[in-house]
Amino acid sequence: MRRVLAIQHTFAEFLGALEPQFEARGIGFSYVRPAVGEDVHGLPSQYDALFLLGGAHPAADSEHCPWLADEQRLVRAFEKARRPVVGFGLGAHVIASAHGAVLSPAPEHTALFTTARSLDPLDPVAQAVDGRRVLVMANGSARLSGEIVPILAADEGECIGFRIGTLTYGILFRPELKPGMLEDMAMEEDRPVPETLGELIETSRALWSDMEETTARVAAALVDALGLMDERRKMPVFPLAQGR
């Protein structure tokens, strides 16, 4: 069985609707939860991919995200070992920051349904959601650097998905979210939520059938693009310095 390491930043935000998609393909997952005091840990040799999940605060908020540097190192370690890395919402900003993007705490909330527009006709993830309504949820923003390639845009042209190389994706729309997860966000103690959260919950209920289809498309595209069902790639060998 392939195994994914998932970094969970809040109780409400986990792999959610993606869990059954992965389980059906023989892909398991293990969670690390820095928000409850767990150290950010995990070795690329132990897992087949790294997923960084959403959160309640901007990645630029060092008070609420003191683990940022640890996650940046984890991203670089998995990439160096040629293991896939995927980030949703906050996780996408962590990945971007590991590649030189400048983080900002503004805007406090980006939360809306929009139509995804592909910017890359050859990318499987971009093509999987092109023209579909998606739920974008993130806090803060990231000014992308040159090596980060936008692959998806929202109605107004903002980047909602990017790729770095062939094995790393940052996704600001949220294929893992279910209506119940949005409701749990509203119930989390001391969690800042967008004023439109109630409307988003109602819309997600009304669109749930389409959202499930989008989740299935994204899961299939990620499995295909990242080879998540393939034999585990061998980690590169780094020669040791010779003693004198």
C-alpha atoms as a PDB file:
ATOM      1  CA  MET A   1       0.000   0.000   0.000  1.00  0.00           C
ATOM      2  CA  ARG A   2       1.197   3.485  -0.844  1.00  0.00           C
ATOM      3  CA  ARG A   3       1.188   5.869   2.122  1.00  0.00           C
ATOM      4  CA  VAL A   4       0.758   9.656   2.210  1.00  0.00           C
ATOM      5  CA  LEU A   5       1.935  11.928   5.029  1.00  0.00           C
ATOM      6  CA  ALA A   6      -0.675  14.647   5.682  1.00  0.00           C
ATOM      7  CA  ILE A   7       0.075  17.719   7.812  1.00  0.00           C
ATOM      8  CA  GLN A   8      -3.176  18.782   9.502  1.00  0.00           C
ATOM      9  CA  HIS A   9      -3.327  22.339  10.836  1.00  0.00           C
ATOM     10  CA  THR A  10      -6.864  22.393  12.301  1.00  0.00           C
ATOM     11  CA  PHE A  11      -9.363  19.788  13.502  1.00  0.00           C
ATOM     12  CA  ALA A  12     -11.837  20.726  10.776  1.00  0.00           C
ATOM     13  CA  GLU A  13      -9.464  20.408   7.825  1.00  0.00           C
ATOM     14  CA  PHE A  14      -8.271  16.937   6.894  1.00  0.00           C
ATOM     15  CA  LEU A  15      -8.175  14.972   3.637  1.00  0.00           C
ATOM     16  CA  GLY A  16     -11.960  14.761   3.861  1.00  0.00           C
ATOM     17  CA  ALA A  17     -13.597  13.937   0.538  1.00  0.00           C
ATOM     18  CA  LEU A  18     -10.243  12.776  -0.836  1.00  0.00           C
ATOM     19  CA  GLU A  19      -9.893   9.984   1.743  1.00  0.00           C
ATOM     20  CA  PRO A  20     -12.267   7.502   0.030  1.00  0.00           C
ATOM     21  CA  GLN A  21     -10.764   8.401  -3.354  1.00  0.00           C
ATOM     22  CA  PHE A  22      -7.303   7.446  -2.092  1.00  0.00           C
ATOM     23  CA  GLU A  23      -8.484   4.398  -0.150  1.00  0.00           C
ATOM     24  CA  ALA A  24     -10.183   3.017  -3.274  1.00  0.00           C
ATOM     25  CA  ARG A  25      -6.796   3.184  -4.997  1.00  0.00           C
ATOM     26  CA  GLY A  26      -4.912   1.472  -2.179  1.00  0.00           C
ATOM     27  CA  ILE A  27      -3.368   4.710  -0.893  1.00  0.00           C
ATOM     28  CA  GLY A  28      -3.251   5.102   2.895  1.00  0.00           C
ATOM     29  CA  PHE A  29      -2.476   8.196   4.938  1.00  0.00           C
ATOM     30  CA  SER A  30      -0.983   9.226   8.259  1.00  0.00           C
ATOM     31  CA  TYR A  31      -1.626  12.562   9.965  1.00  0.00           C
ATOM     32  CA  VAL A  32       0.736  14.871  11.840  1.00  0.00           C
ATOM     33  CA  ARG A  33      -1.042  17.682  13.730  1.00  0.00           C
ATOM     34  CA  PRO A  34       1.202  20.659  14.632  1.00  0.00           C
ATOM     35  CA  ALA A  35      -1.820  22.686  15.792  1.00  0.00           C
ATOM     36  CA  VAL A  36      -2.158  20.407  18.837  1.00  0.00           C
ATOM     37  CA  GLY A  37       1.529  20.481  19.658  1.00  0.00           C
ATOM     38  CA  GLU A  38       2.839  17.595  17.569  1.00  0.00           C
ATOM     39  CA  ASP A  39       6.263  18.182  16.050  1.00  0.00           C
ATOM     40  CA  VAL A  40       6.359  18.416  12.282  1.00  0.00           C
ATOM     41  CA  HIS A  41       8.134  15.221  11.353  1.00  0.00           C
ATOM     42  CA  GLY A  42       8.351  12.530   8.714  1.00  0.00           C
ATOM     43  CA  LEU A  43      11.006  11.186   6.396  1.00  0.00           C
ATOM     44  CA  PRO A  44      10.662  10.882   2.621  1.00  0.00           C
ATOM     45  CA  SER A  45      11.923   7.314   2.962  1.00  0.00           C
ATOM     46  CA  GLN A  46       8.820   6.496   5.055  1.00  0.00           C
ATOM     47  CA  TYR A  47       6.158   7.924   2.728  1.00  0.00           C
ATOM     48  CA  ASP A  48       5.248   8.098  -0.934  1.00  0.00           C
ATOM     49  CA  ALA A  49       3.995  11.705  -0.893  1.00  0.00           C
ATOM     50  CA  LEU A  50       3.492  14.751   1.316  1.00  0.00           C
ATOM     51  CA  PHE A  51       0.188  16.636   1.586  1.00  0.00           C
ATOM     52  CA  LEU A  52      -0.013  19.987   3.419  1.00  0.00           C
ATOM     53  CA  LEU A  53      -3.590  20.819   4.377  1.00  0.00           C
ATOM     54  CA  GLY A  54      -5.537  24.024   4.945  1.00  0.00           C
ATOM     55  CA  GLY A  55      -5.577  26.155   8.077  1.00  0.00           C
ATOM     56  CA  ALA A  56      -7.302  28.928   9.996  1.00  0.00           C
ATOM     57  CA  HIS A  57      -4.621  31.626   9.702  1.00  0.00           C
ATOM     58  CA  PRO A  58      -2.268  33.030   7.050  1.00  0.00           C
ATOM     59  CA  ALA A  59       1.083  31.280   6.750  1.00  0.00           C
ATOM     60  CA  ALA A  60       2.651  34.715   7.345  1.00  0.00           C
ATOM     61  CA  ASP A  61       1.140  34.777  10.860  1.00  0.00           C
ATOM     62  CA  SER A  62       4.122  33.532  12.876  1.00  0.00           C
ATOM     63  CA  GLU A  63       2.140  33.547  16.135  1.00  0.00           C
ATOM     64  CA  HIS A  64      -0.388  31.013  14.874  1.00  0.00           C
ATOM     65  CA  CYS A  65       1.930  29.239  12.411  1.00  0.00           C
ATOM     66  CA  PRO A  66       5.205  28.818  14.354  1.00  0.00           C
ATOM     67  CA  TRP A  67       5.897  25.570  12.500  1.00  0.00           C
ATOM     68  CA  LEU A  68       6.310  27.293   9.093  1.00  0.00           C
ATOM     69  CA  ALA A  69      10.095  26.832   8.881  1.00  0.00           C
ATOM     70  CA  ASP A  70       9.780  23.141   9.836  1.00  0.00           C
ATOM     71  CA  GLU A  71       7.235  22.553   7.073  1.00  0.00           C
ATOM     72  CA  GLN A  72       9.354  24.425   4.542  1.00  0.00           C
ATOM     73  CA  ARG A  73      12.244  22.090   5.366  1.00  0.00           C
ATOM     74  CA  LEU A  74       9.934  19.089   5.026  1.00  0.00           C
ATOM     75  CA  VAL A  75       8.785  20.282   1.597  1.00  0.00           C
ATOM     76  CA  ARG A  76      12.379  20.641   0.433  1.00  0.00           C
ATOM     77  CA  ALA A  77      13.315  17.232   1.844  1.00  0.00           C
ATOM     78  CA  PHE A  78      10.484  15.471  -0.008  1.00  0.00           C
ATOM     79  CA  GLU A  79      11.273  17.307  -3.222  1.00  0.00           C
ATOM     80  CA  LYS A  80      14.968  16.482  -2.954  1.00  0.00           C
ATOM     81  CA  ALA A  81      13.998  12.827  -2.516  1.00  0.00           C
ATOM     82  CA  ARG A  82      11.754  13.055  -5.611  1.00  0.00           C
ATOM     83  CA  ARG A  83       8.578  12.476  -3.636  1.00  0.00           C
ATOM     84  CA  PRO A  84       5.350  14.271  -4.672  1.00  0.00           C
ATOM     85  CA  VAL A  85       4.241  17.290  -2.619  1.00  0.00           C
ATOM     86  CA  VAL A  86       0.709  18.775  -2.689  1.00  0.00           C
ATOM     87  CA  GLY A  87      -0.666  21.718  -0.711  1.00  0.00           C
ATOM     88  CA  PHE A  88      -4.256  22.908  -0.274  1.00  0.00           C
ATOM     89  CA  GLY A  89      -5.016  26.476   0.845  1.00  0.00           C
ATOM     90  CA  LEU A  90      -2.527  27.255   3.610  1.00  0.00           C
ATOM     91  CA  GLY A  91      -0.468  24.287   2.461  1.00  0.00           C
ATOM     92  CA  ALA A  92      -0.111  25.806  -1.006  1.00  0.00           C
ATOM     93  CA  HIS A  93       1.273  28.999   0.540  1.00  0.00           C
ATOM     94  CA  VAL A  94       3.757  26.982   2.620  1.00  0.00           C
ATOM     95  CA  ILE A  95       5.001  25.282  -0.541  1.00  0.00           C
ATOM     96  CA  ALA A  96       5.258  28.602  -2.368  1.00  0.00           C
ATOM     97  CA  SER A  97       7.223  30.129   0.523  1.00  0.00           C
ATOM     98  CA  ALA A  98       9.639  27.190   0.432  1.00  0.00           C
ATOM     99  CA  HIS A  99      10.402  28.312  -3.130  1.00  0.00           C
ATOM    100  CA  GLY A 100      10.977  31.977  -2.388  1.00  0.00           C
ATOM    101  CA  ALA A 101       7.451  33.383  -2.557  1.00  0.00           C
ATOM    102  CA  VAL A 102       6.828  36.373  -0.306  1.00  0.00           C
ATOM    103  CA  LEU A 103       3.979  35.758   2.162  1.00  0.00           C
ATOM    104  CA  SER A 104       1.467  38.390   3.258  1.00  0.00           C
ATOM    105  CA  PRO A 105      -1.252  38.209   5.953  1.00  0.00           C
ATOM    106  CA  ALA A 106      -3.673  40.027   3.628  1.00  0.00           C
ATOM    107  CA  PRO A 107      -6.364  39.396   2.664  1.00  0.00           C
ATOM    108  CA  GLU A 108      -7.524  37.800   5.901  1.00  0.00           C
ATOM    109  CA  HIS A 109      -9.963  35.554   4.028  1.00  0.00           C
ATOM    110  CA  THR A 110     -10.404  34.450   0.446  1.00  0.00           C
ATOM    111  CA  ALA A 111     -13.525  32.291   0.384  1.00  0.00           C
ATOM    112  CA  LEU A 112     -15.736  31.999  -2.665  1.00  0.00           C
ATOM    113  CA  PHE A 113     -17.033  29.777  -5.419  1.00  0.00           C
ATOM    114  CA  THR A 114     -15.511  30.554  -8.801  1.00  0.00           C
ATOM    115  CA  THR A 115     -15.053  28.966 -12.210  1.00  0.00           C
ATOM    116  CA  ALA A 116     -11.611  27.440 -12.698  1.00  0.00           C
ATOM    117  CA  ARG A 117      -9.819  28.365 -15.923  1.00  0.00           C
ATOM    118  CA  SER A 118      -6.922  26.256 -17.154  1.00  0.00           C
ATOM    119  CA  LEU A 119      -3.689  28.072 -17.959  1.00  0.00           C
ATOM    120  CA  ASP A 120      -1.921  24.904 -19.097  1.00  0.00           C
ATOM    121  CA  PRO A 121      -3.557  22.646 -21.704  1.00  0.00           C
ATOM    122  CA  LEU A 122      -1.111  19.833 -20.911  1.00  0.00           C
ATOM    123  CA  ASP A 123      -1.453  19.728 -17.137  1.00  0.00           C
ATOM    124  CA  PRO A 124      -3.774  16.919 -15.872  1.00  0.00           C
ATOM    125  CA  VAL A 125      -4.940  18.811 -12.773  1.00  0.00           C
ATOM    126  CA  ALA A 126      -5.678  21.991 -14.710  1.00  0.00           C
ATOM    127  CA  GLN A 127      -7.613  20.059 -17.323  1.00  0.00           C
ATOM    128  CA  ALA A 128      -9.533  18.091 -14.693  1.00  0.00           C
ATOM    129  CA  VAL A 129     -11.255  21.217 -13.347  1.00  0.00           C
ATOM    130  CA  ASP A 130     -11.223  23.553 -16.337  1.00  0.00           C
ATOM    131  CA  GLY A 131     -14.634  25.222 -16.573  1.00  0.00           C
ATOM    132  CA  ARG A 132     -15.910  23.735 -13.303  1.00  0.00           C
ATOM    133  CA  ARG A 133     -17.151  25.584 -10.223  1.00  0.00           C
ATOM    134  CA  VAL A 134     -14.682  25.216  -7.378  1.00  0.00           C
ATOM    135  CA  LEU A 135     -14.525  26.429  -3.788  1.00  0.00           C
ATOM    136  CA  VAL A 136     -11.480  28.614  -3.122  1.00  0.00           C
ATOM    137  CA  MET A 137     -10.503  29.007   0.544  1.00  0.00           C
ATOM    138  CA  ALA A 138      -7.251  30.483   1.850  1.00  0.00           C
ATOM    139  CA  ASN A 139      -5.953  33.046   4.309  1.00  0.00           C
ATOM    140  CA  GLY A 140      -3.335  35.608   3.349  1.00  0.00           C
ATOM    141  CA  SER A 141      -1.503  35.479   0.052  1.00  0.00           C
ATOM    142  CA  ALA A 142       1.816  34.656  -1.588  1.00  0.00           C
ATOM    143  CA  ARG A 143       3.647  36.575  -4.313  1.00  0.00           C
ATOM    144  CA  LEU A 144       4.876  33.773  -6.552  1.00  0.00           C
ATOM    145  CA  SER A 145       8.481  33.504  -7.674  1.00  0.00           C
ATOM    146  CA  GLY A 146       9.742  32.689 -11.166  1.00  0.00           C
ATOM    147  CA  GLU A 147      10.026  28.916 -10.800  1.00  0.00           C
ATOM    148  CA  ILE A 148       6.384  28.613  -9.704  1.00  0.00           C
ATOM    149  CA  VAL A 149       4.159  28.071 -12.755  1.00  0.00           C
ATOM    150  CA  PRO A 150       0.470  29.094 -12.515  1.00  0.00           C
ATOM    151  CA  ILE A 151      -1.808  26.435 -14.014  1.00  0.00           C
ATOM    152  CA  LEU A 152      -5.278  27.617 -12.946  1.00  0.00           C
ATOM    153  CA  ALA A 153      -6.990  30.982 -12.584  1.00  0.00           C
ATOM    154  CA  ALA A 154     -10.269  32.152 -11.061  1.00  0.00           C
ATOM    155  CA  ASP A 155     -12.968  34.198 -12.812  1.00  0.00           C
ATOM    156  CA  GLU A 156     -11.135  37.442 -12.065  1.00  0.00           C
ATOM    157  CA  GLY A 157      -7.766  36.090 -13.170  1.00  0.00           C
ATOM    158  CA  GLU A 158      -6.187  35.331  -9.768  1.00  0.00           C
ATOM    159  CA  CYS A 159      -3.993  32.242  -9.607  1.00  0.00           C
ATOM    160  CA  ILE A 160      -5.734  29.373  -7.779  1.00  0.00           C
ATOM    161  CA  GLY A 161      -3.338  26.581  -8.718  1.00  0.00           C
ATOM    162  CA  PHE A 162       0.354  26.256  -9.497  1.00  0.00           C
ATOM    163  CA  ARG A 163       2.978  23.644 -10.249  1.00  0.00           C
ATOM    164  CA  ILE A 164       6.680  23.468  -9.438  1.00  0.00           C
ATOM    165  CA  GLY A 165       8.594  21.013 -11.575  1.00  0.00           C
ATOM    166  CA  THR A 166       6.726  17.765 -12.220  1.00  0.00           C
ATOM    167  CA  LEU A 167       6.025  16.535  -8.667  1.00  0.00           C
ATOM    168  CA  THR A 168       4.777  19.551  -6.679  1.00  0.00           C
ATOM    169  CA  TYR A 169       1.347  21.222  -6.760  1.00  0.00           C
ATOM    170  CA  GLY A 170      -0.145  24.138  -4.827  1.00  0.00           C
ATOM    171  CA  ILE A 171      -3.950  24.288  -4.953  1.00  0.00           C
ATOM    172  CA  LEU A 172      -6.006  27.149  -3.523  1.00  0.00           C
ATOM    173  CA  PHE A 173      -9.335  25.601  -4.463  1.00  0.00           C
ATOM    174  CA  ARG A 174     -10.362  22.896  -2.018  1.00  0.00           C
ATOM    175  CA  PRO A 175     -11.324  19.461  -3.428  1.00  0.00           C
ATOM    176  CA  GLU A 176     -11.095  17.887   0.037  1.00  0.00           C
ATOM    177  CA  LEU A 177     -13.771  20.039   1.700  1.00  0.00           C
ATOM    178  CA  LYS A 178     -17.274  18.749   2.481  1.00  0.00           C
ATOM    179  CA  PRO A 179     -20.233  20.754   3.816  1.00  0.00           C
ATOM    180  CA  GLY A 180     -19.767  19.150   7.222  1.00  0.00           C
ATOM    181  CA  MET A 181     -16.154  20.299   7.332  1.00  0.00           C
ATOM    182  CA  LEU A 182     -17.255  23.872   6.664  1.00  0.00           C
ATOM    183  CA  GLU A 183     -19.749  23.558   9.515  1.00  0.00           C
ATOM    184  CA  ASP A 184     -16.965  22.290  11.784  1.00  0.00           C
ATOM    185  CA  MET A 185     -14.892  25.381  10.921  1.00  0.00           C
ATOM    186  CA  ALA A 186     -17.703  27.561  12.263  1.00  0.00           C
ATOM    187  CA  MET A 187     -17.661  25.567  15.509  1.00  0.00           C
ATOM    188  CA  GLU A 188     -13.903  25.691  16.108  1.00  0.00           C
ATOM    189  CA  GLU A 189     -13.077  27.740  19.173  1.00  0.00           C
ATOM    190  CA  ASP A 190     -11.392  31.106  18.475  1.00  0.00           C
ATOM    191  CA  ARG A 191     -11.211  30.420  14.758  1.00  0.00           C
ATOM    192  CA  PRO A 192     -11.647  33.501  12.538  1.00  0.00           C
ATOM    193  CA  VAL A 193     -14.050  32.689   9.717  1.00  0.00           C
ATOM    194  CA  PRO A 194     -15.216  34.675   6.682  1.00  0.00           C
ATOM    195  CA  GLU A 195     -18.504  36.539   7.007  1.00  0.00           C
ATOM    196  CA  THR A 196     -19.810  34.556   4.033  1.00  0.00           C
ATOM    197  CA  LEU A 197     -19.214  31.136   5.622  1.00  0.00           C
ATOM    198  CA  GLY A 198     -22.941  30.512   6.117  1.00  0.00           C
ATOM    199  CA  GLU A 199     -23.593  31.218   2.450  1.00  0.00           C
ATOM    200  CA  LEU A 200     -20.708  28.960   1.433  1.00  0.00           C
ATOM    201  CA  ILE A 201     -22.151  26.124   3.514  1.00  0.00           C
ATOM    202  CA  GLU A 202     -25.550  26.473   1.847  1.00  0.00           C
ATOM    203  CA  THR A 203     -24.000  26.685  -1.621  1.00  0.00           C
ATOM    204  CA  SER A 204     -21.803  23.663  -0.988  1.00  0.00           C
ATOM    205  CA  ARG A 205     -24.861  21.651   0.044  1.00  0.00           C
ATOM    206  CA  ALA A 206     -26.672  22.680  -3.136  1.00  0.00           C
ATOM    207  CA  LEU A 207     -23.639  21.894  -5.315  1.00  0.00           C
ATOM    208  CA  TRP A 208     -22.483  18.809  -3.443  1.00  0.00           C
ATOM    209  CA  SER A 209     -23.032  16.410  -6.333  1.00  0.00           C
ATOM    210  CA  ASP A 210     -20.886  18.580  -8.624  1.00  0.00           C
ATOM    211  CA  MET A 211     -18.285  19.035  -5.857  1.00  0.00           C
ATOM    212  CA  GLU A 212     -18.004  15.256  -5.448  1.00  0.00           C
ATOM    213  CA  GLU A 213     -17.396  14.945  -9.194  1.00  0.00           C
ATOM    214  CA  THR A 214     -14.710  17.639  -8.996  1.00  0.00           C
ATOM    215  CA  THR A 215     -13.029  15.814  -6.101  1.00  0.00           C
ATOM    216  CA  ALA A 216     -13.017  12.575  -8.075  1.00  0.00           C
ATOM    217  CA  ARG A 217     -11.515  14.353 -11.087  1.00  0.00           C
ATOM    218  CA  VAL A 218      -8.798  16.022  -8.993  1.00  0.00           C
ATOM    219  CA  ALA A 219      -7.922  12.778  -7.220  1.00  0.00           C
ATOM    220  CA  ALA A 220      -7.584  10.923 -10.510  1.00  0.00           C
ATOM    221  CA  ALA A 221      -5.518  13.751 -12.003  1.00  0.00           C
ATOM    222  CA  LEU A 222      -3.142  13.884  -9.016  1.00  0.00           C
ATOM    223  CA  VAL A 223      -2.705  10.106  -9.032  1.00  0.00           C
ATOM    224  CA  ASP A 224      -1.928  10.253 -12.744  1.00  0.00           C
ATOM    225  CA  ALA A 225       0.316  13.340 -12.702  1.00  0.00           C
ATOM    226  CA  LEU A 226       2.283  12.290  -9.618  1.00  0.00           C
ATOM    227  CA  GLY A 227       2.365   8.541 -10.164  1.00  0.00           C
ATOM    228  CA  LEU A 228       0.868   7.896  -6.729  1.00  0.00           C
ATOM    229  CA  MET A 229       0.022   4.296  -7.625  1.00  0.00           C
ATOM    230  CA  ASP A 230       3.357   3.578  -9.269  1.00  0.00           C
ATOM    231  CA  GLU A 231       6.223   1.745  -7.664  1.00  0.00           C
ATOM    232  CA  ARG A 232       7.958   4.013  -5.189  1.00  0.00           C
ATOM    233  CA  ARG A 233      10.663   6.031  -6.868  1.00  0.00           C
ATOM    234  CA  LYS A 234      14.167   5.304  -5.663  1.00  0.00           C
ATOM    235  CA  MET A 235      15.614   8.128  -3.622  1.00  0.00           C
ATOM    236  CA  PRO A 236      18.713   9.750  -5.134  1.00  0.00           C
ATOM    237  CA  VAL A 237      22.050   8.656  -3.721  1.00  0.00           C
ATOM    238  CA  PHE A 238      24.332  11.367  -2.370  1.00  0.00           C
ATOM    239  CA  PRO A 239      28.029  10.391  -2.061  1.00  0.00           C
ATOM    240  CA  LEU A 240      29.673  10.858   1.305  1.00  0.00           C
ATOM    241  CA  ALA A 241      32.733  13.052   1.512  1.00  0.00           C
ATOM    242  CA  GLN A 242      35.881  10.968   1.586  1.00  0.00           C
ATOM    243  CA  GLY A 243      38.009  11.239   4.702  1.00  0.00           C
ATOM    244  CA  ARG A 244      41.639  12.217   4.436  1.00  0.00           C
END
